[in-house]
PDB file of N, CA and C in Angstrom:
ATOM      1  N   MET A   1      89.391 104.034 119.520  1.00  0.00           N
ATOM      2  CA  MET A   1      88.773 102.758 119.792  1.00  0.00           C
ATOM      3  C   MET A   1      87.738 102.465 118.706  1.00  0.00           C
ATOM      4  N   ILE A   2      87.760 101.257 118.194  1.00  0.00           N
ATOM      5  CA  ILE A   2      86.861 100.861 117.110  1.00  0.00           C
ATOM      6  C   ILE A   2      85.980  99.713 117.596  1.00  0.00           C
ATOM      7  N   ILE A   3      84.680  99.870 117.442  1.00  0.00           N
ATOM      8  CA  ILE A   3      83.745  98.817 117.823  1.00  0.00           C
ATOM      9  C   ILE A   3      83.695  97.801 116.686  1.00  0.00           C
ATOM     10  N   VAL A   4      83.900  96.540 117.036  1.00  0.00           N
ATOM     11  CA  VAL A   4      83.923  95.472 116.038  1.00  0.00           C
ATOM     12  C   VAL A   4      82.582  94.739 116.066  1.00  0.00           C
ATOM     13  N   ASP A   5      81.942  94.722 114.931  1.00  0.00           N
ATOM     14  CA  ASP A   5      80.663  94.044 114.761  1.00  0.00           C
ATOM     15  C   ASP A   5      80.902  92.580 114.407  1.00  0.00           C
ATOM     16  N   SER A   6      80.051  91.699 114.876  1.00  0.00           N
ATOM     17  CA  SER A   6      80.218  90.266 114.601  1.00  0.00           C
ATOM     18  C   SER A   6      80.197  89.966 113.101  1.00  0.00           C
ATOM     19  N   ASN A   7      79.397  90.707 112.331  1.00  0.00           N
ATOM     20  CA  ASN A   7      79.351  90.468 110.884  1.00  0.00           C
ATOM     21  C   ASN A   7      80.700  90.710 110.221  1.00  0.00           C
ATOM     22  N   ILE A   8      81.407  91.716 110.675  1.00  0.00           N
ATOM     23  CA  ILE A   8      82.731  92.018 110.121  1.00  0.00           C
ATOM     24  C   ILE A   8      83.705  90.891 110.440  1.00  0.00           C
ATOM     25  N   VAL A   9      83.676  90.414 111.677  1.00  0.00           N
ATOM     26  CA  VAL A   9      84.588  89.338 112.091  1.00  0.00           C
ATOM     27  C   VAL A   9      84.285  88.057 111.317  1.00  0.00           C
ATOM     28  N   PHE A  10      83.019  87.695 111.215  1.00  0.00           N
ATOM     29  CA  PHE A  10      82.660  86.482 110.474  1.00  0.00           C
ATOM     30  C   PHE A  10      83.043  86.617 109.001  1.00  0.00           C
ATOM     31  N   SER A  11      82.801  87.775 108.418  1.00  0.00           N
ATOM     32  CA  SER A  11      83.169  88.001 107.027  1.00  0.00           C
ATOM     33  C   SER A  11      84.678  87.866 106.845  1.00  0.00           C
ATOM     34  N   ALA A  12      85.432  88.412 107.761  1.00  0.00           N
ATOM     35  CA  ALA A  12      86.895  88.328 107.687  1.00  0.00           C
ATOM     36  C   ALA A  12      87.374  86.885 107.805  1.00  0.00           C
ATOM     37  N   LEU A  13      86.756  86.111 108.677  1.00  0.00           N
ATOM     38  CA  LEU A  13      87.163  84.718 108.858  1.00  0.00           C
ATOM     39  C   LEU A  13      86.763  83.844 107.675  1.00  0.00           C
ATOM     40  N   LEU A  14      85.640  84.148 107.056  1.00  0.00           N
ATOM     41  CA  LEU A  14      85.185  83.347 105.934  1.00  0.00           C
ATOM     42  C   LEU A  14      85.963  83.645 104.664  1.00  0.00           C
ATOM     43  N   ASN A  15      86.627  84.785 104.636  1.00  0.00           N
ATOM     44  CA  ASN A  15      87.469  85.142 103.498  1.00  0.00           C
ATOM     45  C   ASN A  15      88.834  85.571 104.044  1.00  0.00           C
ATOM     46  N   PRO A  16      89.693  84.605 104.342  1.00  0.00           N
ATOM     47  CA  PRO A  16      90.978  84.916 104.979  1.00  0.00           C
ATOM     48  C   PRO A  16      91.882  85.856 104.183  1.00  0.00           C
ATOM     49  N   ASP A  17      91.618  86.050 102.903  1.00  0.00           N
ATOM     50  CA  ASP A  17      92.421  86.967 102.098  1.00  0.00           C
ATOM     51  C   ASP A  17      91.885  88.400 102.137  1.00  0.00           C
ATOM     52  N   SER A  18      90.824  88.611 102.926  1.00  0.00           N
ATOM     53  CA  SER A  18      90.176  89.918 102.937  1.00  0.00           C
ATOM     54  C   SER A  18      91.003  90.974 103.666  1.00  0.00           C
ATOM     55  N   LYS A  19      90.768  92.199 103.293  1.00  0.00           N
ATOM     56  CA  LYS A  19      91.404  93.351 103.954  1.00  0.00           C
ATOM     57  C   LYS A  19      90.935  93.435 105.407  1.00  0.00           C
ATOM     58  N   PHE A  20      89.673  93.039 105.662  1.00  0.00           N
ATOM     59  CA  PHE A  20      89.143  93.072 107.023  1.00  0.00           C
ATOM     60  C   PHE A  20      90.008  92.252 107.974  1.00  0.00           C
ATOM     61  N   LEU A  21      90.380  91.064 107.548  1.00  0.00           N
ATOM     62  CA  LEU A  21      91.154  90.201 108.432  1.00  0.00           C
ATOM     63  C   LEU A  21      92.525  90.799 108.720  1.00  0.00           C
ATOM     64  N   SER A  22      93.176  91.333 107.722  1.00  0.00           N
ATOM     65  CA  SER A  22      94.495  91.922 107.970  1.00  0.00           C
ATOM     66  C   SER A  22      94.403  93.113 108.924  1.00  0.00           C
ATOM     67  N   ILE A  23      93.331  93.884 108.828  1.00  0.00           N
ATOM     68  CA  ILE A  23      93.133  95.011 109.754  1.00  0.00           C
ATOM     69  C   ILE A  23      92.881  94.499 111.167  1.00  0.00           C
ATOM     70  N   LEU A  24      92.014  93.491 111.294  1.00  0.00           N
ATOM     71  CA  LEU A  24      91.696  92.952 112.618  1.00  0.00           C
ATOM     72  C   LEU A  24      92.893  92.283 113.286  1.00  0.00           C
ATOM     73  N   LEU A  25      93.799  91.746 112.489  1.00  0.00           N
ATOM     74  CA  LEU A  25      94.957  91.054 113.046  1.00  0.00           C
ATOM     75  C   LEU A  25      96.123  91.998 113.347  1.00  0.00           C
ATOM     76  N   SER A  26      96.025  93.227 112.900  1.00  0.00           N
ATOM     77  CA  SER A  26      97.118  94.175 113.146  1.00  0.00           C
ATOM     78  C   SER A  26      97.009  94.749 114.557  1.00  0.00           C
ATOM     79  N   ASP A  27      98.141  95.204 115.060  1.00  0.00           N
ATOM     80  CA  ASP A  27      98.177  95.819 116.394  1.00  0.00           C
ATOM     81  C   ASP A  27      97.999  97.328 116.322  1.00  0.00           C
ATOM     82  N   ASP A  28      97.645  97.840 115.157  1.00  0.00           N
ATOM     83  CA  ASP A  28      97.583  99.283 114.955  1.00  0.00           C
ATOM     84  C   ASP A  28      96.314  99.936 115.500  1.00  0.00           C
ATOM     85  N   ASN A  29      95.332  99.151 115.883  1.00  0.00           N
ATOM     86  CA  ASN A  29      94.045  99.693 116.322  1.00  0.00           C
ATOM     87  C   ASN A  29      93.638  99.105 117.665  1.00  0.00           C
ATOM     88  N   ASP A  30      92.758  99.823 118.344  1.00  0.00           N
ATOM     89  CA  ASP A  30      92.164  99.324 119.586  1.00  0.00           C
ATOM     90  C   ASP A  30      90.726  98.932 119.280  1.00  0.00           C
ATOM     91  N   PHE A  31      90.449  97.628 119.324  1.00  0.00           N
ATOM     92  CA  PHE A  31      89.115  97.126 119.013  1.00  0.00           C
ATOM     93  C   PHE A  31      88.379  96.743 120.287  1.00  0.00           C
ATOM     94  N   ILE A  32      87.086  97.010 120.309  1.00  0.00           N
ATOM     95  CA  ILE A  32      86.231  96.550 121.395  1.00  0.00           C
ATOM     96  C   ILE A  32      85.009  95.875 120.789  1.00  0.00           C
ATOM     97  N   SER A  33      84.440  94.954 121.554  1.00  0.00           N
ATOM     98  CA  SER A  33      83.247  94.250 121.105  1.00  0.00           C
ATOM     99  C   SER A  33      82.530  93.685 122.323  1.00  0.00           C
ATOM    100  N   PRO A  34      81.220  93.521 122.218  1.00  0.00           N
ATOM    101  CA  PRO A  34      80.514  92.843 123.304  1.00  0.00           C
ATOM    102  C   PRO A  34      81.022  91.406 123.454  1.00  0.00           C
ATOM    103  N   TYR A  35      81.004  90.909 124.666  1.00  0.00           N
ATOM    104  CA  TYR A  35      81.446  89.545 124.955  1.00  0.00           C
ATOM    105  C   TYR A  35      80.706  88.523 124.095  1.00  0.00           C
ATOM    106  N   PHE A  36      79.506  88.870 123.677  1.00  0.00           N
ATOM    107  CA  PHE A  36      78.687  88.002 122.836  1.00  0.00           C
ATOM    108  C   PHE A  36      79.445  87.524 121.603  1.00  0.00           C
ATOM    109  N   LEU A  37      80.303  88.367 121.043  1.00  0.00           N
ATOM    110  CA  LEU A  37      81.082  87.981 119.865  1.00  0.00           C
ATOM    111  C   LEU A  37      81.976  86.791 120.171  1.00  0.00           C
ATOM    112  N   PHE A  38      82.620  86.814 121.309  1.00  0.00           N
ATOM    113  CA  PHE A  38      83.491  85.718 121.733  1.00  0.00           C
ATOM    114  C   PHE A  38      82.714  84.400 121.751  1.00  0.00           C
ATOM    115  N   VAL A  39      81.547  84.433 122.337  1.00  0.00           N
ATOM    116  CA  VAL A  39      80.683  83.253 122.432  1.00  0.00           C
ATOM    117  C   VAL A  39      80.263  82.785 121.043  1.00  0.00           C
ATOM    118  N   GLU A  40      79.854  83.712 120.193  1.00  0.00           N
ATOM    119  CA  GLU A  40      79.392  83.369 118.848  1.00  0.00           C
ATOM    120  C   GLU A  40      80.494  82.747 117.994  1.00  0.00           C
ATOM    121  N   LEU A  41      81.717  83.224 118.143  1.00  0.00           N
ATOM    122  CA  LEU A  41      82.821  82.663 117.367  1.00  0.00           C
ATOM    123  C   LEU A  41      83.005  81.178 117.649  1.00  0.00           C
ATOM    124  N   PHE A  42      82.941  80.814 118.906  1.00  0.00           N
ATOM    125  CA  PHE A  42      83.130  79.405 119.240  1.00  0.00           C
ATOM    126  C   PHE A  42      81.876  78.581 119.016  1.00  0.00           C
ATOM    127  N   LYS A  43      80.737  79.216 119.108  1.00  0.00           N
ATOM    128  CA  LYS A  43      79.479  78.528 118.810  1.00  0.00           C
ATOM    129  C   LYS A  43      79.427  78.108 117.338  1.00  0.00           C
ATOM    130  N   HIS A  44      79.992  78.927 116.461  1.00  0.00           N
ATOM    131  CA  HIS A  44      79.942  78.678 115.016  1.00  0.00           C
ATOM    132  C   HIS A  44      81.285  78.260 114.439  1.00  0.00           C
ATOM    133  N   LYS A  45      82.196  77.789 115.281  1.00  0.00           N
ATOM    134  CA  LYS A  45      83.543  77.433 114.830  1.00  0.00           C
ATOM    135  C   LYS A  45      83.530  76.393 113.711  1.00  0.00           C
ATOM    136  N   GLU A  46      82.710  75.375 113.825  1.00  0.00           N
ATOM    137  CA  GLU A  46      82.655  74.323 112.800  1.00  0.00           C
ATOM    138  C   GLU A  46      82.163  74.878 111.465  1.00  0.00           C
ATOM    139  N   LYS A  47      81.179  75.740 111.512  1.00  0.00           N
ATOM    140  CA  LYS A  47      80.663  76.363 110.292  1.00  0.00           C
ATOM    141  C   LYS A  47      81.735  77.256 109.654  1.00  0.00           C
ATOM    142  N   ILE A  48      82.477  77.983 110.482  1.00  0.00           N
ATOM    143  CA  ILE A  48      83.564  78.819 109.972  1.00  0.00           C
ATOM    144  C   ILE A  48      84.628  77.937 109.315  1.00  0.00           C
ATOM    145  N   LEU A  49      84.967  76.837 109.971  1.00  0.00           N
ATOM    146  CA  LEU A  49      85.948  75.906 109.409  1.00  0.00           C
ATOM    147  C   LEU A  49      85.510  75.411 108.033  1.00  0.00           C
ATOM    148  N   LYS A  50      84.265  75.029 107.934  1.00  0.00           N
ATOM    149  CA  LYS A  50      83.741  74.472 106.686  1.00  0.00           C
ATOM    150  C   LYS A  50      83.752  75.495 105.549  1.00  0.00           C
ATOM    151  N   HIS A  51      83.316  76.708 105.836  1.00  0.00           N
ATOM    152  CA  HIS A  51      83.141  77.696 104.772  1.00  0.00           C
ATOM    153  C   HIS A  51      84.385  78.538 104.497  1.00  0.00           C
ATOM    154  N   SER A  52      85.320  78.573 105.426  1.00  0.00           N
ATOM    155  CA  SER A  52      86.521  79.387 105.212  1.00  0.00           C
ATOM    156  C   SER A  52      87.610  78.625 104.467  1.00  0.00           C
ATOM    157  N   LYS A  53      87.495  77.314 104.477  1.00  0.00           N
ATOM    158  CA  LYS A  53      88.502  76.435 103.877  1.00  0.00           C
ATOM    159  C   LYS A  53      89.853  76.508 104.599  1.00  0.00           C
ATOM    160  N   LEU A  54      89.818  77.001 105.841  1.00  0.00           N
ATOM    161  CA  LEU A  54      91.012  76.977 106.687  1.00  0.00           C
ATOM    162  C   LEU A  54      91.067  75.635 107.400  1.00  0.00           C
ATOM    163  N   ASP A  55      92.262  75.164 107.700  1.00  0.00           N
ATOM    164  CA  ASP A  55      92.334  73.980 108.544  1.00  0.00           C
ATOM    165  C   ASP A  55      92.195  74.433 110.002  1.00  0.00           C
ATOM    166  N   GLN A  56      91.949  73.478 110.877  1.00  0.00           N
ATOM    167  CA  GLN A  56      91.658  73.820 112.264  1.00  0.00           C
ATOM    168  C   GLN A  56      92.817  74.563 112.929  1.00  0.00           C
ATOM    169  N   ASP A  57      94.049  74.146 112.684  1.00  0.00           N
ATOM    170  CA  ASP A  57      95.202  74.813 113.285  1.00  0.00           C
ATOM    171  C   ASP A  57      95.307  76.267 112.830  1.00  0.00           C
ATOM    172  N   SER A  58      95.095  76.503 111.554  1.00  0.00           N
ATOM    173  CA  SER A  58      95.158  77.872 111.034  1.00  0.00           C
ATOM    174  C   SER A  58      94.067  78.743 111.632  1.00  0.00           C
ATOM    175  N   LEU A  59      92.857  78.195 111.700  1.00  0.00           N
ATOM    176  CA  LEU A  59      91.763  78.954 112.289  1.00  0.00           C
ATOM    177  C   LEU A  59      92.053  79.275 113.747  1.00  0.00           C
ATOM    178  N   LEU A  60      92.556  78.315 114.493  1.00  0.00           N
ATOM    179  CA  LEU A  60      92.857  78.562 115.904  1.00  0.00           C
ATOM    180  C   LEU A  60      93.973  79.596 116.069  1.00  0.00           C
ATOM    181  N   GLN A  61      94.952  79.585 115.187  1.00  0.00           N
ATOM    182  CA  GLN A  61      96.008  80.610 115.239  1.00  0.00           C
ATOM    183  C   GLN A  61      95.433  82.000 114.973  1.00  0.00           C
ATOM    184  N   ILE A  62      94.579  82.087 113.962  1.00  0.00           N
ATOM    185  CA  ILE A  62      93.947  83.366 113.640  1.00  0.00           C
ATOM    186  C   ILE A  62      93.068  83.827 114.795  1.00  0.00           C
ATOM    187  N   LEU A  63      92.272  82.913 115.345  1.00  0.00           N
ATOM    188  CA  LEU A  63      91.407  83.277 116.470  1.00  0.00           C
ATOM    189  C   LEU A  63      92.222  83.736 117.668  1.00  0.00           C
ATOM    190  N   ASN A  64      93.335  83.085 117.924  1.00  0.00           N
ATOM    191  CA  ASN A  64      94.183  83.468 119.043  1.00  0.00           C
ATOM    192  C   ASN A  64      94.653  84.921 118.905  1.00  0.00           C
ATOM    193  N   ILE A  65      95.137  85.273 117.732  1.00  0.00           N
ATOM    194  CA  ILE A  65      95.595  86.648 117.490  1.00  0.00           C
ATOM    195  C   ILE A  65      94.415  87.609 117.531  1.00  0.00           C
ATOM    196  N   LEU A  66      93.346  87.240 116.847  1.00  0.00           N
ATOM    197  CA  LEU A  66      92.166  88.086 116.769  1.00  0.00           C
ATOM    198  C   LEU A  66      91.602  88.383 118.154  1.00  0.00           C
ATOM    199  N   LEU A  67      91.442  87.344 118.952  1.00  0.00           N
ATOM    200  CA  LEU A  67      90.850  87.517 120.277  1.00  0.00           C
ATOM    201  C   LEU A  67      91.757  88.319 121.210  1.00  0.00           C
ATOM    202  N   SER A  68      93.049  88.240 120.990  1.00  0.00           N
ATOM    203  CA  SER A  68      93.951  89.036 121.824  1.00  0.00           C
ATOM    204  C   SER A  68      93.948  90.504 121.401  1.00  0.00           C
ATOM    205  N   ASN A  69      93.473  90.799 120.188  1.00  0.00           N
ATOM    206  CA  ASN A  69      93.408  92.183 119.697  1.00  0.00           C
ATOM    207  C   ASN A  69      92.094  92.883 120.015  1.00  0.00           C
ATOM    208  N   ILE A  70      91.143  92.153 120.564  1.00  0.00           N
ATOM    209  CA  ILE A  70      89.828  92.727 120.866  1.00  0.00           C
ATOM    210  C   ILE A  70      89.612  92.748 122.372  1.00  0.00           C
ATOM    211  N   GLN A  71      89.211  93.898 122.871  1.00  0.00           N
ATOM    212  CA  GLN A  71      88.817  93.988 124.273  1.00  0.00           C
ATOM    213  C   GLN A  71      87.322  93.683 124.339  1.00  0.00           C
ATOM    214  N   PHE A  72      86.983  92.633 125.067  1.00  0.00           N
ATOM    215  CA  PHE A  72      85.578  92.226 125.152  1.00  0.00           C
ATOM    216  C   PHE A  72      84.906  92.889 126.344  1.00  0.00           C
ATOM    217  N   ILE A  73      83.738  93.440 126.084  1.00  0.00           N
ATOM    218  CA  ILE A  73      82.977  94.173 127.090  1.00  0.00           C
ATOM    219  C   ILE A  73      81.886  93.269 127.652  1.00  0.00           C
ATOM    220  N   PRO A  74      81.860  93.087 128.981  1.00  0.00           N
ATOM    221  CA  PRO A  74      80.804  92.261 129.585  1.00  0.00           C
ATOM    222  C   PRO A  74      79.427  92.905 129.390  1.00  0.00           C
ATOM    223  N   PRO A  75      78.384  92.079 129.312  1.00  0.00           N
ATOM    224  CA  PRO A  75      77.025  92.611 129.110  1.00  0.00           C
ATOM    225  C   PRO A  75      76.620  93.650 130.151  1.00  0.00           C
ATOM    226  N   ALA A  76      77.062  93.484 131.382  1.00  0.00           N
ATOM    227  CA  ALA A  76      76.686  94.431 132.445  1.00  0.00           C
ATOM    228  C   ALA A  76      77.242  95.830 132.193  1.00  0.00           C
ATOM    229  N   ASN A  77      78.295  95.927 131.385  1.00  0.00           N
ATOM    230  CA  ASN A  77      78.918  97.232 131.113  1.00  0.00           C
ATOM    231  C   ASN A  77      78.377  97.899 129.862  1.00  0.00           C
ATOM    232  N   LEU A  78      77.457  97.239 129.175  1.00  0.00           N
ATOM    233  CA  LEU A  78      76.875  97.814 127.956  1.00  0.00           C
ATOM    234  C   LEU A  78      75.682  98.685 128.320  1.00  0.00           C
ATOM    235  N   SER A  79      75.539  99.770 127.602  1.00  0.00           N
ATOM    236  CA  SER A  79      74.433 100.680 127.840  1.00  0.00           C
ATOM    237  C   SER A  79      73.732 100.948 126.518  1.00  0.00           C
ATOM    238  N   LEU A  80      72.443 101.095 126.555  1.00  0.00           N
ATOM    239  CA  LEU A  80      71.662 101.412 125.356  1.00  0.00           C
ATOM    240  C   LEU A  80      71.549 102.902 125.129  1.00  0.00           C
ATOM    241  N   HIS A  81      72.147 103.701 125.966  1.00  0.00           N
ATOM    242  CA  HIS A  81      72.058 105.171 125.861  1.00  0.00           C
ATOM    243  C   HIS A  81      73.184 105.722 125.068  1.00  0.00           C
TER     244      HIS A  81
END
């Protein structure tokens, strides 16, 4: 299981040719992330669109695959220990 940081996801989306994005879109790994990432992706969707140079349909296709590859952990299940 690999914990996915929001910075990695944003970096991958802003540079669609990056190795990060191809890894995140593959089914070869089990990714987990706090639910906060899900919220942040949609909160900053317009900014991602502007800076990634992806069209909206392409971004939504990538997000669909990406979000299905990540298991999101609710805040109540996170521990600081």
